[in-house]
Amino acid sequence: MADLLTDPDIDARLADLDGWTRDGDAIVRERELADFAAALAWVNAVGQEAEAANHHPDILIHGWNKVRLSVTNHSAGGLTRADFDLAATIDALPGG
């Protein structure tokens, strides 16, 4: 099982990410894209990266062009390094 991060570790890692915030035992990010098709395409890119990492965020498409991602390590019961690694990978994707 992955080691849970401490609150100071979480705060420090959040400072290195753009637009991610803490929501309990998860980190979340809201993105607004050009339109519904762009939101779907970006979600598919996120899905490919998540599958490659074997670490899957909760994904909500709402409105017609907004995507909310929530990342946590369910098996560990909170936030781990893998959550922040996935968030950084997602941030590097084009279109978001």
N, C-alpha and C. Protein backbone atom coordinates (compact mmCIF):
# COMPACT_ATOMS: atom_id res chain seq x y z
N MET A 1 0.84 -1.18 0.00
CA MET A 1 0.00 0.00 0.00
C MET A 1 0.89 1.25 0.00
N ALA A 2 0.44 2.27 -0.69
CA ALA A 2 1.20 3.52 -0.79
C ALA A 2 1.12 4.29 0.53
N ASP A 3 2.19 5.02 0.81
CA ASP A 3 2.23 5.82 2.03
C ASP A 3 1.40 7.09 1.86
N LEU A 4 0.56 7.37 2.85
CA LEU A 4 -0.22 8.60 2.84
C LEU A 4 0.69 9.79 3.09
N LEU A 5 0.39 10.89 2.45
CA LEU A 5 1.14 12.13 2.65
C LEU A 5 0.62 12.86 3.88
N THR A 6 1.50 13.59 4.53
CA THR A 6 1.09 14.43 5.65
C THR A 6 0.48 15.73 5.11
N ASP A 7 -0.22 16.45 5.97
CA ASP A 7 -0.80 17.73 5.55
C ASP A 7 0.26 18.70 5.02
N PRO A 8 1.41 18.85 5.68
CA PRO A 8 2.44 19.74 5.13
C PRO A 8 2.95 19.27 3.75
N ASP A 9 3.08 17.96 3.57
CA ASP A 9 3.50 17.42 2.27
C ASP A 9 2.46 17.75 1.20
N ILE A 10 1.21 17.58 1.54
CA ILE A 10 0.12 17.87 0.60
C ILE A 10 0.13 19.34 0.22
N ASP A 11 0.25 20.22 1.22
CA ASP A 11 0.28 21.66 0.95
C ASP A 11 1.45 22.02 0.03
N ALA A 12 2.61 21.44 0.29
CA ALA A 12 3.79 21.74 -0.53
C ALA A 12 3.59 21.25 -1.96
N ARG A 13 3.02 20.08 -2.14
CA ARG A 13 2.79 19.54 -3.48
C ARG A 13 1.72 20.34 -4.22
N LEU A 14 0.70 20.78 -3.51
CA LEU A 14 -0.34 21.60 -4.14
C LEU A 14 0.24 22.92 -4.65
N ALA A 15 1.21 23.45 -3.95
CA ALA A 15 1.83 24.71 -4.37
C ALA A 15 2.52 24.58 -5.72
N ASP A 16 2.91 23.35 -6.07
CA ASP A 16 3.58 23.11 -7.35
C ASP A 16 2.61 22.84 -8.49
N LEU A 17 1.32 22.73 -8.19
CA LEU A 17 0.32 22.46 -9.23
C LEU A 17 -0.52 23.69 -9.47
N ASP A 18 -0.92 23.88 -10.71
CA ASP A 18 -1.71 25.05 -11.09
C ASP A 18 -3.20 24.71 -11.06
N GLY A 19 -3.93 25.32 -10.13
CA GLY A 19 -5.38 25.19 -10.14
C GLY A 19 -5.96 24.02 -9.37
N TRP A 20 -5.13 23.17 -8.82
CA TRP A 20 -5.62 22.05 -8.02
C TRP A 20 -5.83 22.53 -6.59
N THR A 21 -6.89 22.04 -5.96
CA THR A 21 -7.18 22.36 -4.57
C THR A 21 -7.48 21.07 -3.82
N ARG A 22 -7.40 21.16 -2.53
CA ARG A 22 -7.71 19.99 -1.71
C ARG A 22 -9.19 20.00 -1.35
N ASP A 23 -9.79 18.83 -1.43
CA ASP A 23 -11.18 18.65 -1.03
C ASP A 23 -11.23 17.37 -0.19
N GLY A 24 -11.02 17.52 1.10
CA GLY A 24 -10.96 16.36 1.98
C GLY A 24 -9.76 15.49 1.67
N ASP A 25 -10.03 14.24 1.32
CA ASP A 25 -8.97 13.29 1.00
C ASP A 25 -8.68 13.21 -0.49
N ALA A 26 -9.01 14.26 -1.22
CA ALA A 26 -8.79 14.29 -2.67
C ALA A 26 -8.22 15.64 -3.08
N ILE A 27 -7.63 15.66 -4.28
CA ILE A 27 -7.30 16.94 -4.91
C ILE A 27 -8.20 17.06 -6.13
N VAL A 28 -8.67 18.27 -6.39
CA VAL A 28 -9.63 18.50 -7.47
C VAL A 28 -9.17 19.62 -8.37
N ARG A 29 -9.62 19.53 -9.60
CA ARG A 29 -9.30 20.56 -10.60
C ARG A 29 -10.49 20.71 -11.52
N GLU A 30 -10.85 21.94 -11.79
CA GLU A 30 -11.93 22.26 -12.72
C GLU A 30 -11.31 22.88 -13.95
N ARG A 31 -11.70 22.39 -15.11
CA ARG A 31 -11.20 22.96 -16.36
C ARG A 31 -12.38 23.34 -17.24
N GLU A 32 -12.26 24.46 -17.91
CA GLU A 32 -13.26 24.88 -18.90
C GLU A 32 -12.59 24.83 -20.26
N LEU A 33 -13.23 24.10 -21.17
CA LEU A 33 -12.67 23.92 -22.51
C LEU A 33 -13.53 24.67 -23.53
N ALA A 34 -13.12 24.64 -24.77
CA ALA A 34 -13.77 25.44 -25.81
C ALA A 34 -15.22 25.04 -26.03
N ASP A 35 -15.50 23.76 -26.01
CA ASP A 35 -16.86 23.28 -26.26
C ASP A 35 -16.96 21.83 -25.78
N PHE A 36 -18.13 21.22 -26.01
CA PHE A 36 -18.37 19.86 -25.54
C PHE A 36 -17.41 18.87 -26.19
N ALA A 37 -17.18 19.01 -27.48
CA ALA A 37 -16.26 18.10 -28.17
C ALA A 37 -14.85 18.19 -27.60
N ALA A 38 -14.41 19.39 -27.29
CA ALA A 38 -13.08 19.57 -26.70
C ALA A 38 -13.02 18.95 -25.30
N ALA A 39 -14.10 19.09 -24.54
CA ALA A 39 -14.15 18.48 -23.21
C ALA A 39 -14.05 16.96 -23.32
N LEU A 40 -14.78 16.37 -24.25
CA LEU A 40 -14.72 14.92 -24.44
C LEU A 40 -13.34 14.47 -24.87
N ALA A 41 -12.73 15.19 -25.79
CA ALA A 41 -11.40 14.82 -26.27
C ALA A 41 -10.38 14.90 -25.12
N TRP A 42 -10.48 15.94 -24.30
CA TRP A 42 -9.55 16.09 -23.19
C TRP A 42 -9.76 14.98 -22.16
N VAL A 43 -11.01 14.65 -21.88
CA VAL A 43 -11.31 13.56 -20.94
C VAL A 43 -10.73 12.25 -21.47
N ASN A 44 -10.82 12.01 -22.76
CA ASN A 44 -10.22 10.80 -23.32
C ASN A 44 -8.71 10.79 -23.13
N ALA A 45 -8.07 11.93 -23.30
CA ALA A 45 -6.61 12.01 -23.08
C ALA A 45 -6.29 11.76 -21.61
N VAL A 46 -7.08 12.32 -20.71
CA VAL A 46 -6.90 12.07 -19.28
C VAL A 46 -7.05 10.58 -19.00
N GLY A 47 -8.06 9.98 -19.61
CA GLY A 47 -8.31 8.55 -19.42
C GLY A 47 -7.15 7.69 -19.87
N GLN A 48 -6.53 8.05 -20.97
CA GLN A 48 -5.37 7.28 -21.45
C GLN A 48 -4.21 7.36 -20.46
N GLU A 49 -3.96 8.54 -19.95
CA GLU A 49 -2.87 8.70 -18.98
C GLU A 49 -3.20 7.98 -17.67
N ALA A 50 -4.45 8.07 -17.24
CA ALA A 50 -4.86 7.40 -16.02
C ALA A 50 -4.73 5.88 -16.16
N GLU A 51 -5.13 5.37 -17.31
CA GLU A 51 -5.02 3.93 -17.54
C GLU A 51 -3.56 3.50 -17.56
N ALA A 52 -2.70 4.28 -18.19
CA ALA A 52 -1.28 3.96 -18.23
C ALA A 52 -0.67 3.95 -16.83
N ALA A 53 -1.15 4.83 -15.96
CA ALA A 53 -0.65 4.91 -14.59
C ALA A 53 -1.38 3.95 -13.64
N ASN A 54 -2.44 3.32 -14.15
CA ASN A 54 -3.30 2.46 -13.32
C ASN A 54 -3.76 3.22 -12.08
N HIS A 55 -4.17 4.47 -12.32
CA HIS A 55 -4.64 5.35 -11.25
C HIS A 55 -5.73 6.22 -11.85
N HIS A 56 -6.97 6.03 -11.42
CA HIS A 56 -8.11 6.55 -12.14
C HIS A 56 -8.86 7.62 -11.35
N PRO A 57 -8.94 8.83 -11.89
CA PRO A 57 -9.66 9.91 -11.21
C PRO A 57 -11.17 9.77 -11.42
N ASP A 58 -11.91 10.41 -10.55
CA ASP A 58 -13.34 10.61 -10.80
C ASP A 58 -13.43 11.77 -11.79
N ILE A 59 -14.27 11.60 -12.80
CA ILE A 59 -14.38 12.60 -13.87
C ILE A 59 -15.84 13.00 -14.02
N LEU A 60 -16.11 14.30 -14.02
CA LEU A 60 -17.46 14.82 -14.22
C LEU A 60 -17.41 15.84 -15.35
N ILE A 61 -18.16 15.60 -16.40
CA ILE A 61 -18.36 16.61 -17.45
C ILE A 61 -19.68 17.28 -17.13
N HIS A 62 -19.67 18.60 -17.00
CA HIS A 62 -20.90 19.32 -16.68
C HIS A 62 -20.96 20.61 -17.46
N GLY A 63 -22.13 21.24 -17.40
CA GLY A 63 -22.32 22.36 -18.31
C GLY A 63 -22.21 21.76 -19.70
N TRP A 64 -21.61 22.42 -20.57
CA TRP A 64 -21.38 21.83 -21.90
C TRP A 64 -19.90 21.80 -22.25
N ASN A 65 -19.09 22.37 -21.35
CA ASN A 65 -17.66 22.43 -21.66
C ASN A 65 -16.77 22.41 -20.42
N LYS A 66 -17.31 21.99 -19.30
CA LYS A 66 -16.54 21.98 -18.06
C LYS A 66 -16.26 20.55 -17.62
N VAL A 67 -15.05 20.34 -17.09
CA VAL A 67 -14.65 19.03 -16.58
C VAL A 67 -14.11 19.23 -15.16
N ARG A 68 -14.60 18.39 -14.26
CA ARG A 68 -14.09 18.39 -12.88
C ARG A 68 -13.43 17.04 -12.64
N LEU A 69 -12.18 17.08 -12.20
CA LEU A 69 -11.43 15.88 -11.88
C LEU A 69 -11.23 15.83 -10.37
N SER A 70 -11.34 14.65 -9.81
CA SER A 70 -11.07 14.42 -8.40
C SER A 70 -10.14 13.22 -8.31
N VAL A 71 -9.00 13.41 -7.67
CA VAL A 71 -7.97 12.38 -7.60
C VAL A 71 -7.68 12.05 -6.14
N THR A 72 -7.72 10.78 -5.82
CA THR A 72 -7.34 10.29 -4.50
C THR A 72 -6.90 8.85 -4.66
N ASN A 73 -6.28 8.32 -3.64
CA ASN A 73 -5.86 6.92 -3.67
C ASN A 73 -6.81 6.14 -2.77
N HIS A 74 -7.85 5.59 -3.38
CA HIS A 74 -8.90 4.90 -2.62
C HIS A 74 -8.33 3.75 -1.79
N SER A 75 -7.42 2.98 -2.37
CA SER A 75 -6.89 1.82 -1.65
C SER A 75 -6.04 2.22 -0.46
N ALA A 76 -5.40 3.40 -0.52
CA ALA A 76 -4.57 3.87 0.59
C ALA A 76 -5.40 4.67 1.59
N GLY A 77 -6.58 5.14 1.17
CA GLY A 77 -7.44 5.89 2.07
C GLY A 77 -7.10 7.37 2.19
N GLY A 78 -6.50 7.93 1.14
CA GLY A 78 -6.17 9.35 1.17
C GLY A 78 -5.20 9.70 0.06
N LEU A 79 -4.47 10.77 0.26
CA LEU A 79 -3.58 11.29 -0.77
C LEU A 79 -2.17 10.72 -0.66
N THR A 80 -1.64 10.33 -1.81
CA THR A 80 -0.30 9.77 -1.91
C THR A 80 0.46 10.48 -3.03
N ARG A 81 1.72 10.14 -3.16
CA ARG A 81 2.54 10.71 -4.23
C ARG A 81 1.93 10.41 -5.60
N ALA A 82 1.33 9.24 -5.76
CA ALA A 82 0.73 8.86 -7.05
C ALA A 82 -0.35 9.84 -7.49
N ASP A 83 -1.09 10.40 -6.55
CA ASP A 83 -2.13 11.37 -6.89
C ASP A 83 -1.53 12.63 -7.49
N PHE A 84 -0.45 13.08 -6.90
CA PHE A 84 0.19 14.30 -7.39
C PHE A 84 0.95 14.04 -8.69
N ASP A 85 1.49 12.85 -8.84
CA ASP A 85 2.13 12.49 -10.11
C ASP A 85 1.10 12.49 -11.24
N LEU A 86 -0.08 11.92 -10.98
CA LEU A 86 -1.12 11.92 -12.01
C LEU A 86 -1.59 13.34 -12.31
N ALA A 87 -1.76 14.15 -11.29
CA ALA A 87 -2.18 15.55 -11.50
C ALA A 87 -1.18 16.29 -12.38
N ALA A 88 0.11 16.10 -12.13
CA ALA A 88 1.13 16.76 -12.95
C ALA A 88 1.09 16.25 -14.39
N THR A 89 0.86 14.96 -14.56
CA THR A 89 0.75 14.40 -15.91
C THR A 89 -0.46 14.99 -16.63
N ILE A 90 -1.57 15.10 -15.93
CA ILE A 90 -2.78 15.69 -16.52
C ILE A 90 -2.53 17.14 -16.90
N ASP A 91 -1.85 17.87 -16.05
CA ASP A 91 -1.57 19.28 -16.34
C ASP A 91 -0.71 19.46 -17.59
N ALA A 92 0.10 18.46 -17.91
CA ALA A 92 0.97 18.55 -19.08
C ALA A 92 0.24 18.23 -20.39
N LEU A 93 -1.01 17.77 -20.29
CA LEU A 93 -1.75 17.43 -21.51
C LEU A 93 -2.14 18.70 -22.28
N PRO A 94 -2.11 18.64 -23.59
CA PRO A 94 -2.56 19.79 -24.38
C PRO A 94 -4.08 19.93 -24.28
N GLY A 95 -4.55 21.14 -24.44
CA GLY A 95 -5.98 21.39 -24.50
C GLY A 95 -6.63 21.70 -23.17
N GLY A 96 -5.93 21.50 -22.11
CA GLY A 96 -6.56 21.72 -20.81
C GLY A 96 -6.07 22.97 -20.19
